[in-house]
Amino acid sequence: MGFNNLVVIPVKDNNPTRRTGWVTYALIAANVIIFLLTPATRTLTGTSLTALCHQQAFFDQWAAIPHELITNQQLPRVPTGVARGGGCLLGPPGFHKIPALSVLYAMFLHGGWLHLLGNMLFLWVFGNNVEDRFGHLKYLLFYLVAGYAAGYGYALANADSMVPLIGASGAIAGVLGAYLVLYPGARVWSLVPVLLFIPLRLPAWLVLGLWFVLQWVYASGIAVSGAGSVGYLAHVVGFVVGVLVALPVRWFRRPPARQTTYYGWR
């Protein structure tokens, strides 16, 4: 899962916080550190079949596989990491996998630098404000719930798929949905691809609304994406969960005085 085919690229929001987003920063640091320790980093310097098979075996062991999530059983045959005959050799798994936990692990796995940096950019721009409103622990719980909902939501619609699902974008999509509800009028500096990238100060409802519409269009199959195997449906599910969780927070919890100018439509 990753943020691809973006209409605009958010860079910074004009939305001050009352407290430091320690959980957001810790999540970003964890994602970067884990990425550096995975085979995905090593395949950047070489695309040999052996390296690709090793990466595939790693993801099959740790990533979320829709068929495993639905059946709650690991696959009987998985990539062994050995290249043979122009492909990757399959064999019985030499590990015990708990499918439910693989959703958690998958939230911290990425397939490349572009995949990682795209996800972390969105989390950096929008995560601290949602954390500020929710509180540190509730925000962390919300992040994980959105990630799990995105993973299982995608699996329900793709029950026969054995393609590993990786990336933090399902959970981050939940953060975006919550941000849209809590701060629709906040201004976001974004790069708009018109010939070159033009920096514009746009309202959050426009930036995030366009992003969600694009994810829904690709998930529904109305348009064909050129971004490869991207779990657009997971983005849609995570975003909707974020909206639903944030609505009662907006309705029943008054915002801090410092931030009142950022909540309305303007």
C-alpha atoms as a PDB file:
ATOM      1  CA  MET A   1       0.000   0.000   0.000  1.00  0.00           C
ATOM      2  CA  GLY A   2       1.375   3.418  -0.857  1.00  0.00           C
ATOM      3  CA  PHE A   3       0.422   6.945  -1.833  1.00  0.00           C
ATOM      4  CA  ASN A   4       0.699   7.018  -5.616  1.00  0.00           C
ATOM      5  CA  ASN A   5      -0.835   9.012  -8.482  1.00  0.00           C
ATOM      6  CA  LEU A   6      -1.179  12.103  -6.309  1.00  0.00           C
ATOM      7  CA  VAL A   7      -3.158  15.098  -7.543  1.00  0.00           C
ATOM      8  CA  VAL A   8      -1.202  17.396  -5.219  1.00  0.00           C
ATOM      9  CA  ILE A   9       1.746  16.788  -2.915  1.00  0.00           C
ATOM     10  CA  PRO A  10       1.265  18.264   0.579  1.00  0.00           C
ATOM     11  CA  VAL A  11       4.391  19.780   2.095  1.00  0.00           C
ATOM     12  CA  LYS A  12       3.306  21.656   5.242  1.00  0.00           C
ATOM     13  CA  ASP A  13       0.099  22.704   6.962  1.00  0.00           C
ATOM     14  CA  ASN A  14      -0.533  26.016   8.725  1.00  0.00           C
ATOM     15  CA  ASN A  15      -2.074  24.407  11.776  1.00  0.00           C
ATOM     16  CA  PRO A  16      -0.273  24.912  15.119  1.00  0.00           C
ATOM     17  CA  THR A  17      -0.374  22.259  17.834  1.00  0.00           C
ATOM     18  CA  ARG A  18      -0.372  22.558  21.618  1.00  0.00           C
ATOM     19  CA  ARG A  19       1.977  19.636  22.206  1.00  0.00           C
ATOM     20  CA  THR A  20       4.716  17.751  20.401  1.00  0.00           C
ATOM     21  CA  GLY A  21       3.588  14.825  18.242  1.00  0.00           C
ATOM     22  CA  TRP A  22       5.895  12.294  19.865  1.00  0.00           C
ATOM     23  CA  VAL A  23       3.891   9.284  18.674  1.00  0.00           C
ATOM     24  CA  THR A  24       3.853  10.528  15.083  1.00  0.00           C
ATOM     25  CA  TYR A  25       7.606  11.099  15.135  1.00  0.00           C
ATOM     26  CA  ALA A  26       8.192   7.707  16.759  1.00  0.00           C
ATOM     27  CA  LEU A  27       6.106   5.995  14.070  1.00  0.00           C
ATOM     28  CA  ILE A  28       8.105   7.724  11.337  1.00  0.00           C
ATOM     29  CA  ALA A  29      11.395   6.744  12.979  1.00  0.00           C
ATOM     30  CA  ALA A  30      10.249   3.134  13.406  1.00  0.00           C
ATOM     31  CA  ASN A  31       9.217   2.879   9.756  1.00  0.00           C
ATOM     32  CA  VAL A  32      12.547   4.258   8.533  1.00  0.00           C
ATOM     33  CA  ILE A  33      14.654   2.068  10.834  1.00  0.00           C
ATOM     34  CA  ILE A  34      12.732  -1.107   9.986  1.00  0.00           C
ATOM     35  CA  PHE A  35      12.976  -0.344   6.279  1.00  0.00           C
ATOM     36  CA  LEU A  36      16.751  -0.020   6.554  1.00  0.00           C
ATOM     37  CA  LEU A  37      16.887  -3.489   8.131  1.00  0.00           C
ATOM     38  CA  THR A  38      14.773  -5.257   5.499  1.00  0.00           C
ATOM     39  CA  PRO A  39      15.823  -6.871   2.202  1.00  0.00           C
ATOM     40  CA  ALA A  40      13.984  -4.082   0.325  1.00  0.00           C
ATOM     41  CA  THR A  41      16.936  -1.794   1.026  1.00  0.00           C
ATOM     42  CA  ARG A  42      19.466  -4.214  -0.371  1.00  0.00           C
ATOM     43  CA  THR A  43      17.555  -4.811  -3.613  1.00  0.00           C
ATOM     44  CA  LEU A  44      17.977  -1.130  -4.447  1.00  0.00           C
ATOM     45  CA  THR A  45      21.627  -1.682  -5.313  1.00  0.00           C
ATOM     46  CA  GLY A  46      21.002  -4.782  -7.392  1.00  0.00           C
ATOM     47  CA  THR A  47      18.048  -6.496  -8.994  1.00  0.00           C
ATOM     48  CA  SER A  48      19.427 -10.026  -9.252  1.00  0.00           C
ATOM     49  CA  LEU A  49      16.901 -12.836  -9.179  1.00  0.00           C
ATOM     50  CA  THR A  50      18.405 -14.129  -5.925  1.00  0.00           C
ATOM     51  CA  ALA A  51      17.910 -10.770  -4.229  1.00  0.00           C
ATOM     52  CA  LEU A  52      14.338 -10.497  -5.468  1.00  0.00           C
ATOM     53  CA  CYS A  53      13.526 -14.038  -4.300  1.00  0.00           C
ATOM     54  CA  HIS A  54      14.989 -13.242  -0.896  1.00  0.00           C
ATOM     55  CA  GLN A  55      12.818 -10.153  -0.645  1.00  0.00           C
ATOM     56  CA  GLN A  56       9.737 -12.088  -1.745  1.00  0.00           C
ATOM     57  CA  ALA A  57      10.377 -14.754   0.893  1.00  0.00           C
ATOM     58  CA  PHE A  58      10.778 -12.048   3.555  1.00  0.00           C
ATOM     59  CA  PHE A  59       7.482 -10.381   2.658  1.00  0.00           C
ATOM     60  CA  ASP A  60       5.608 -13.684   2.519  1.00  0.00           C
ATOM     61  CA  GLN A  61       6.792 -14.422   6.044  1.00  0.00           C
ATOM     62  CA  TRP A  62       6.050 -11.051   7.611  1.00  0.00           C
ATOM     63  CA  ALA A  63       3.530  -9.199   5.438  1.00  0.00           C
ATOM     64  CA  ALA A  64      -0.255  -9.517   5.464  1.00  0.00           C
ATOM     65  CA  ILE A  65      -1.566 -11.922   2.827  1.00  0.00           C
ATOM     66  CA  PRO A  66      -5.341 -11.584   2.222  1.00  0.00           C
ATOM     67  CA  HIS A  67      -5.982 -15.335   1.884  1.00  0.00           C
ATOM     68  CA  GLU A  68      -4.191 -15.984   5.178  1.00  0.00           C
ATOM     69  CA  LEU A  69      -6.188 -13.257   6.929  1.00  0.00           C
ATOM     70  CA  ILE A  70      -9.522 -14.672   5.777  1.00  0.00           C
ATOM     71  CA  THR A  71      -8.706 -18.316   6.527  1.00  0.00           C
ATOM     72  CA  ASN A  72      -6.540 -17.521   9.575  1.00  0.00           C
ATOM     73  CA  GLN A  73      -4.027 -20.084   8.290  1.00  0.00           C
ATOM     74  CA  GLN A  74      -0.630 -19.572   6.711  1.00  0.00           C
ATOM     75  CA  LEU A  75      -0.033 -20.746   3.161  1.00  0.00           C
ATOM     76  CA  PRO A  76       1.170 -24.366   2.788  1.00  0.00           C
ATOM     77  CA  ARG A  77       3.786 -23.389   0.191  1.00  0.00           C
ATOM     78  CA  VAL A  78       5.763 -20.152   0.213  1.00  0.00           C
ATOM     79  CA  PRO A  79       8.847 -18.716  -1.514  1.00  0.00           C
ATOM     80  CA  THR A  80      12.009 -20.125   0.034  1.00  0.00           C
ATOM     81  CA  GLY A  81      14.281 -17.307  -1.058  1.00  0.00           C
ATOM     82  CA  VAL A  82      16.103 -19.595  -3.501  1.00  0.00           C
ATOM     83  CA  ALA A  83      16.222 -18.714  -7.201  1.00  0.00           C
ATOM     84  CA  ARG A  84      15.835 -21.595  -9.628  1.00  0.00           C
ATOM     85  CA  GLY A  85      15.005 -21.852 -13.318  1.00  0.00           C
ATOM     86  CA  GLY A  86      14.294 -18.175 -13.783  1.00  0.00           C
ATOM     87  CA  GLY A  87      11.899 -18.031 -10.823  1.00  0.00           C
ATOM     88  CA  CYS A  88      11.683 -18.387  -7.052  1.00  0.00           C
ATOM     89  CA  LEU A  89      11.542 -21.876  -5.551  1.00  0.00           C
ATOM     90  CA  LEU A  90       8.480 -22.666  -3.441  1.00  0.00           C
ATOM     91  CA  GLY A  91       8.408 -25.003  -0.467  1.00  0.00           C
ATOM     92  CA  PRO A  92       6.796 -25.683   2.910  1.00  0.00           C
ATOM     93  CA  PRO A  93       7.184 -22.724   5.290  1.00  0.00           C
ATOM     94  CA  GLY A  94      10.032 -23.020   7.774  1.00  0.00           C
ATOM     95  CA  PHE A  95       8.342 -20.628  10.169  1.00  0.00           C
ATOM     96  CA  HIS A  96       5.121 -20.283  12.145  1.00  0.00           C
ATOM     97  CA  LYS A  97       3.031 -17.310  11.149  1.00  0.00           C
ATOM     98  CA  ILE A  98       0.103 -15.744  13.005  1.00  0.00           C
ATOM     99  CA  PRO A  99      -1.955 -14.012  10.279  1.00  0.00           C
ATOM    100  CA  ALA A 100      -3.559 -11.496  12.642  1.00  0.00           C
ATOM    101  CA  LEU A 101      -0.155 -10.233  13.750  1.00  0.00           C
ATOM    102  CA  SER A 102       1.022  -9.953  10.150  1.00  0.00           C
ATOM    103  CA  VAL A 103      -1.275  -6.933   9.722  1.00  0.00           C
ATOM    104  CA  LEU A 104       0.678  -5.154  12.440  1.00  0.00           C
ATOM    105  CA  TYR A 105       4.037  -6.112  10.937  1.00  0.00           C
ATOM    106  CA  ALA A 106       2.892  -5.049   7.461  1.00  0.00           C
ATOM    107  CA  MET A 107       2.246  -1.507   8.709  1.00  0.00           C
ATOM    108  CA  PHE A 108       6.000  -1.071   9.130  1.00  0.00           C
ATOM    109  CA  LEU A 109       7.166  -2.710   5.891  1.00  0.00           C
ATOM    110  CA  HIS A 110       7.781  -0.905   2.601  1.00  0.00           C
ATOM    111  CA  GLY A 111       8.891  -2.024  -0.819  1.00  0.00           C
ATOM    112  CA  GLY A 112      11.244   0.855  -1.629  1.00  0.00           C
ATOM    113  CA  TRP A 113      12.346   4.387  -0.810  1.00  0.00           C
ATOM    114  CA  LEU A 114       9.575   6.030  -2.862  1.00  0.00           C
ATOM    115  CA  HIS A 115       6.972   3.900  -1.121  1.00  0.00           C
ATOM    116  CA  LEU A 116       8.393   4.771   2.303  1.00  0.00           C
ATOM    117  CA  LEU A 117       8.951   8.493   1.738  1.00  0.00           C
ATOM    118  CA  GLY A 118       5.508   9.027   0.238  1.00  0.00           C
ATOM    119  CA  ASN A 119       3.836   7.469   3.274  1.00  0.00           C
ATOM    120  CA  MET A 120       6.039   9.277   5.787  1.00  0.00           C
ATOM    121  CA  LEU A 121       5.459  12.655   4.131  1.00  0.00           C
ATOM    122  CA  PHE A 122       1.713  12.367   4.665  1.00  0.00           C
ATOM    123  CA  LEU A 123       2.171  11.175   8.237  1.00  0.00           C
ATOM    124  CA  TRP A 124       4.582  14.047   8.954  1.00  0.00           C
ATOM    125  CA  VAL A 125       2.251  16.725   7.585  1.00  0.00           C
ATOM    126  CA  PHE A 126      -1.049  15.532   9.048  1.00  0.00           C
ATOM    127  CA  GLY A 127      -0.280  13.185  11.936  1.00  0.00           C
ATOM    128  CA  ASN A 128       0.810  15.648  14.628  1.00  0.00           C
ATOM    129  CA  ASN A 129      -2.458  17.613  14.550  1.00  0.00           C
ATOM    130  CA  VAL A 130      -4.609  14.485  14.853  1.00  0.00           C
ATOM    131  CA  GLU A 131      -2.376  13.302  17.701  1.00  0.00           C
ATOM    132  CA  ASP A 132      -2.730  16.701  19.364  1.00  0.00           C
ATOM    133  CA  ARG A 133      -6.519  16.419  19.297  1.00  0.00           C
ATOM    134  CA  PHE A 134      -6.766  12.735  20.269  1.00  0.00           C
ATOM    135  CA  GLY A 135      -3.954  12.578  22.819  1.00  0.00           C
ATOM    136  CA  HIS A 136      -0.858  10.407  22.496  1.00  0.00           C
ATOM    137  CA  LEU A 137      -2.171   6.981  23.558  1.00  0.00           C
ATOM    138  CA  LYS A 138      -5.594   7.305  21.929  1.00  0.00           C
ATOM    139  CA  TYR A 139      -3.925   8.435  18.736  1.00  0.00           C
ATOM    140  CA  LEU A 140      -1.641   5.394  18.708  1.00  0.00           C
ATOM    141  CA  LEU A 141      -4.624   3.091  19.293  1.00  0.00           C
ATOM    142  CA  PHE A 142      -6.547   4.870  16.539  1.00  0.00           C
ATOM    143  CA  TYR A 143      -3.617   4.503  14.128  1.00  0.00           C
ATOM    144  CA  LEU A 144      -3.437   0.764  14.732  1.00  0.00           C
ATOM    145  CA  VAL A 145      -7.202   0.287  14.477  1.00  0.00           C
ATOM    146  CA  ALA A 146      -7.278   2.128  11.151  1.00  0.00           C
ATOM    147  CA  GLY A 147      -4.408  -0.019   9.884  1.00  0.00           C
ATOM    148  CA  TYR A 148      -6.132  -3.242  10.915  1.00  0.00           C
ATOM    149  CA  ALA A 149      -9.441  -2.143   9.407  1.00  0.00           C
ATOM    150  CA  ALA A 150      -7.697  -1.280   6.144  1.00  0.00           C
ATOM    151  CA  GLY A 151      -5.873  -4.616   6.025  1.00  0.00           C
ATOM    152  CA  TYR A 152      -8.882  -6.788   6.788  1.00  0.00           C
ATOM    153  CA  GLY A 153     -11.177  -4.652   4.634  1.00  0.00           C
ATOM    154  CA  TYR A 154      -8.909  -5.215   1.662  1.00  0.00           C
ATOM    155  CA  ALA A 155      -8.670  -8.933   2.472  1.00  0.00           C
ATOM    156  CA  LEU A 156     -12.451  -9.352   2.560  1.00  0.00           C
ATOM    157  CA  ALA A 157     -12.681  -7.998  -0.963  1.00  0.00           C
ATOM    158  CA  ASN A 158      -9.695 -10.037  -2.186  1.00  0.00           C
ATOM    159  CA  ALA A 159     -10.071 -13.265  -0.226  1.00  0.00           C
ATOM    160  CA  ASP A 160      -8.228 -15.410  -2.779  1.00  0.00           C
ATOM    161  CA  SER A 161      -5.254 -13.090  -3.178  1.00  0.00           C
ATOM    162  CA  MET A 162      -1.880 -14.418  -2.096  1.00  0.00           C
ATOM    163  CA  VAL A 163      -0.017 -11.197  -2.871  1.00  0.00           C
ATOM    164  CA  PRO A 164       1.589  -9.705   0.267  1.00  0.00           C
ATOM    165  CA  LEU A 165       0.084  -6.428   1.438  1.00  0.00           C
ATOM    166  CA  ILE A 166       2.665  -4.026   2.892  1.00  0.00           C
ATOM    167  CA  GLY A 167       2.880  -0.371   3.860  1.00  0.00           C
ATOM    168  CA  ALA A 168       1.622   2.108   6.422  1.00  0.00           C
ATOM    169  CA  SER A 169      -0.784   3.839   4.055  1.00  0.00           C
ATOM    170  CA  GLY A 170      -3.927   2.125   5.354  1.00  0.00           C
ATOM    171  CA  ALA A 171      -3.272   3.461   8.850  1.00  0.00           C
ATOM    172  CA  ILE A 172      -2.148   6.845   7.492  1.00  0.00           C
ATOM    173  CA  ALA A 173      -5.322   7.041   5.405  1.00  0.00           C
ATOM    174  CA  GLY A 174      -7.184   6.856   8.710  1.00  0.00           C
ATOM    175  CA  VAL A 175      -5.156   9.839   9.917  1.00  0.00           C
ATOM    176  CA  LEU A 176      -6.098  11.748   6.751  1.00  0.00           C
ATOM    177  CA  GLY A 177      -9.790  11.002   7.248  1.00  0.00           C
ATOM    178  CA  ALA A 178      -9.616  12.217  10.832  1.00  0.00           C
ATOM    179  CA  TYR A 179      -7.737  15.363   9.796  1.00  0.00           C
ATOM    180  CA  LEU A 180     -10.372  16.160   7.175  1.00  0.00           C
ATOM    181  CA  VAL A 181     -13.120  16.005   9.802  1.00  0.00           C
ATOM    182  CA  LEU A 182     -11.237  17.873  12.520  1.00  0.00           C
ATOM    183  CA  TYR A 183      -9.508  20.550  10.435  1.00  0.00           C
ATOM    184  CA  PRO A 184     -11.332  20.938   7.095  1.00  0.00           C
ATOM    185  CA  GLY A 185     -10.407  24.617   6.762  1.00  0.00           C
ATOM    186  CA  ALA A 186      -6.730  24.325   7.676  1.00  0.00           C
ATOM    187  CA  ARG A 187      -4.454  25.582   4.924  1.00  0.00           C
ATOM    188  CA  VAL A 188      -1.951  23.157   3.435  1.00  0.00           C
ATOM    189  CA  TRP A 189       1.032  24.201   1.345  1.00  0.00           C
ATOM    190  CA  SER A 190       1.009  21.773  -1.570  1.00  0.00           C
ATOM    191  CA  LEU A 191       2.916  21.217  -4.788  1.00  0.00           C
ATOM    192  CA  VAL A 192       0.537  21.152  -7.754  1.00  0.00           C
ATOM    193  CA  PRO A 193       1.891  19.529 -10.948  1.00  0.00           C
ATOM    194  CA  VAL A 194       1.100  22.142 -13.604  1.00  0.00           C
ATOM    195  CA  LEU A 195       3.971  21.870 -16.077  1.00  0.00           C
ATOM    196  CA  LEU A 196       6.345  22.212 -13.117  1.00  0.00           C
ATOM    197  CA  PHE A 197       5.422  21.848  -9.460  1.00  0.00           C
ATOM    198  CA  ILE A 198       3.722  25.071  -8.316  1.00  0.00           C
ATOM    199  CA  PRO A 199       3.417  25.681  -4.533  1.00  0.00           C
ATOM    200  CA  LEU A 200      -0.129  26.661  -3.539  1.00  0.00           C
ATOM    201  CA  ARG A 201      -1.814  27.188  -0.173  1.00  0.00           C
ATOM    202  CA  LEU A 202      -4.939  25.026  -0.383  1.00  0.00           C
ATOM    203  CA  PRO A 203      -7.660  24.129   2.135  1.00  0.00           C
ATOM    204  CA  ALA A 204      -7.358  20.681   3.688  1.00  0.00           C
ATOM    205  CA  TRP A 205     -10.814  19.665   2.468  1.00  0.00           C
ATOM    206  CA  LEU A 206      -9.652  20.148  -1.119  1.00  0.00           C
ATOM    207  CA  VAL A 207      -6.289  18.385  -0.744  1.00  0.00           C
ATOM    208  CA  LEU A 208      -7.625  15.399   1.184  1.00  0.00           C
ATOM    209  CA  GLY A 209     -10.952  15.315  -0.640  1.00  0.00           C
ATOM    210  CA  LEU A 210      -9.202  15.023  -4.004  1.00  0.00           C
ATOM    211  CA  TRP A 211      -6.912  12.340  -2.603  1.00  0.00           C
ATOM    212  CA  PHE A 212      -9.847  10.270  -1.337  1.00  0.00           C
ATOM    213  CA  VAL A 213     -11.797  10.610  -4.600  1.00  0.00           C
ATOM    214  CA  LEU A 214      -8.761   9.404  -6.543  1.00  0.00           C
ATOM    215  CA  GLN A 215      -8.347   6.376  -4.258  1.00  0.00           C
ATOM    216  CA  TRP A 216     -12.034   5.526  -4.591  1.00  0.00           C
ATOM    217  CA  VAL A 217     -11.932   5.857  -8.390  1.00  0.00           C
ATOM    218  CA  TYR A 218      -9.013   3.441  -8.661  1.00  0.00           C
ATOM    219  CA  ALA A 219     -10.428   1.047  -6.054  1.00  0.00           C
ATOM    220  CA  SER A 220     -13.760   0.873  -7.879  1.00  0.00           C
ATOM    221  CA  GLY A 221     -12.078   0.149 -11.208  1.00  0.00           C
ATOM    222  CA  ILE A 222     -13.567   3.207 -12.920  1.00  0.00           C
ATOM    223  CA  ALA A 223     -10.057   4.219 -13.974  1.00  0.00           C
ATOM    224  CA  VAL A 224      -6.892   2.199 -14.432  1.00  0.00           C
ATOM    225  CA  SER A 225      -3.868   3.150 -12.352  1.00  0.00           C
ATOM    226  CA  GLY A 226      -0.345   2.980 -13.681  1.00  0.00           C
ATOM    227  CA  ALA A 227       1.109   2.669 -10.189  1.00  0.00           C
ATOM    228  CA  GLY A 228       1.302  -1.120 -10.113  1.00  0.00           C
ATOM    229  CA  SER A 229      -0.183  -3.260  -7.334  1.00  0.00           C
ATOM    230  CA  VAL A 230      -1.499  -0.677  -4.902  1.00  0.00           C
ATOM    231  CA  GLY A 231      -4.127  -1.516  -2.279  1.00  0.00           C
ATOM    232  CA  TYR A 232      -6.438   1.393  -3.089  1.00  0.00           C
ATOM    233  CA  LEU A 233      -9.353  -0.264  -1.318  1.00  0.00           C
ATOM    234  CA  ALA A 234      -7.277  -0.385   1.869  1.00  0.00           C
ATOM    235  CA  HIS A 235      -6.796   3.383   1.557  1.00  0.00           C
ATOM    236  CA  VAL A 236     -10.534   3.900   1.157  1.00  0.00           C
ATOM    237  CA  VAL A 237     -11.364   1.722   4.174  1.00  0.00           C
ATOM    238  CA  GLY A 238      -8.733   3.376   6.369  1.00  0.00           C
ATOM    239  CA  PHE A 239      -9.929   6.848   5.387  1.00  0.00           C
ATOM    240  CA  VAL A 240     -13.590   6.033   6.123  1.00  0.00           C
ATOM    241  CA  VAL A 241     -12.625   4.612   9.524  1.00  0.00           C
ATOM    242  CA  GLY A 242     -10.736   7.828  10.277  1.00  0.00           C
ATOM    243  CA  VAL A 243     -13.783   9.920   9.367  1.00  0.00           C
ATOM    244  CA  LEU A 244     -16.124   7.820  11.513  1.00  0.00           C
ATOM    245  CA  VAL A 245     -13.819   7.903  14.532  1.00  0.00           C
ATOM    246  CA  ALA A 246     -13.212  11.645  14.270  1.00  0.00           C
ATOM    247  CA  LEU A 247     -16.845  12.700  13.867  1.00  0.00           C
ATOM    248  CA  PRO A 248     -17.836  12.221  17.529  1.00  0.00           C
ATOM    249  CA  VAL A 249     -14.581  13.871  18.587  1.00  0.00           C
ATOM    250  CA  ARG A 250     -15.482  16.949  16.530  1.00  0.00           C
ATOM    251  CA  TRP A 251     -19.097  16.965  17.697  1.00  0.00           C
ATOM    252  CA  PHE A 252     -18.678  16.351  21.417  1.00  0.00           C
ATOM    253  CA  ARG A 253     -15.195  17.583  22.324  1.00  0.00           C
ATOM    254  CA  ARG A 254     -14.543  21.293  22.051  1.00  0.00           C
ATOM    255  CA  PRO A 255     -11.274  22.199  20.325  1.00  0.00           C
ATOM    256  CA  PRO A 256      -8.523  24.036  22.224  1.00  0.00           C
ATOM    257  CA  ALA A 257      -8.852  27.830  22.077  1.00  0.00           C
ATOM    258  CA  ARG A 258      -5.621  28.245  20.094  1.00  0.00           C
ATOM    259  CA  GLN A 259      -6.958  26.198  17.192  1.00  0.00           C
ATOM    260  CA  THR A 260     -10.542  27.396  16.788  1.00  0.00           C
ATOM    261  CA  THR A 261      -9.787  29.324  13.584  1.00  0.00           C
ATOM    262  CA  TYR A 262      -8.740  26.111  11.838  1.00  0.00           C
ATOM    263  CA  TYR A 263     -11.872  24.043  12.278  1.00  0.00           C
ATOM    264  CA  GLY A 264     -14.447  25.755  10.134  1.00  0.00           C
ATOM    265  CA  TRP A 265     -14.836  26.045   6.408  1.00  0.00           C
ATOM    266  CA  ARG A 266     -13.282  29.251   5.139  1.00  0.00           C
END
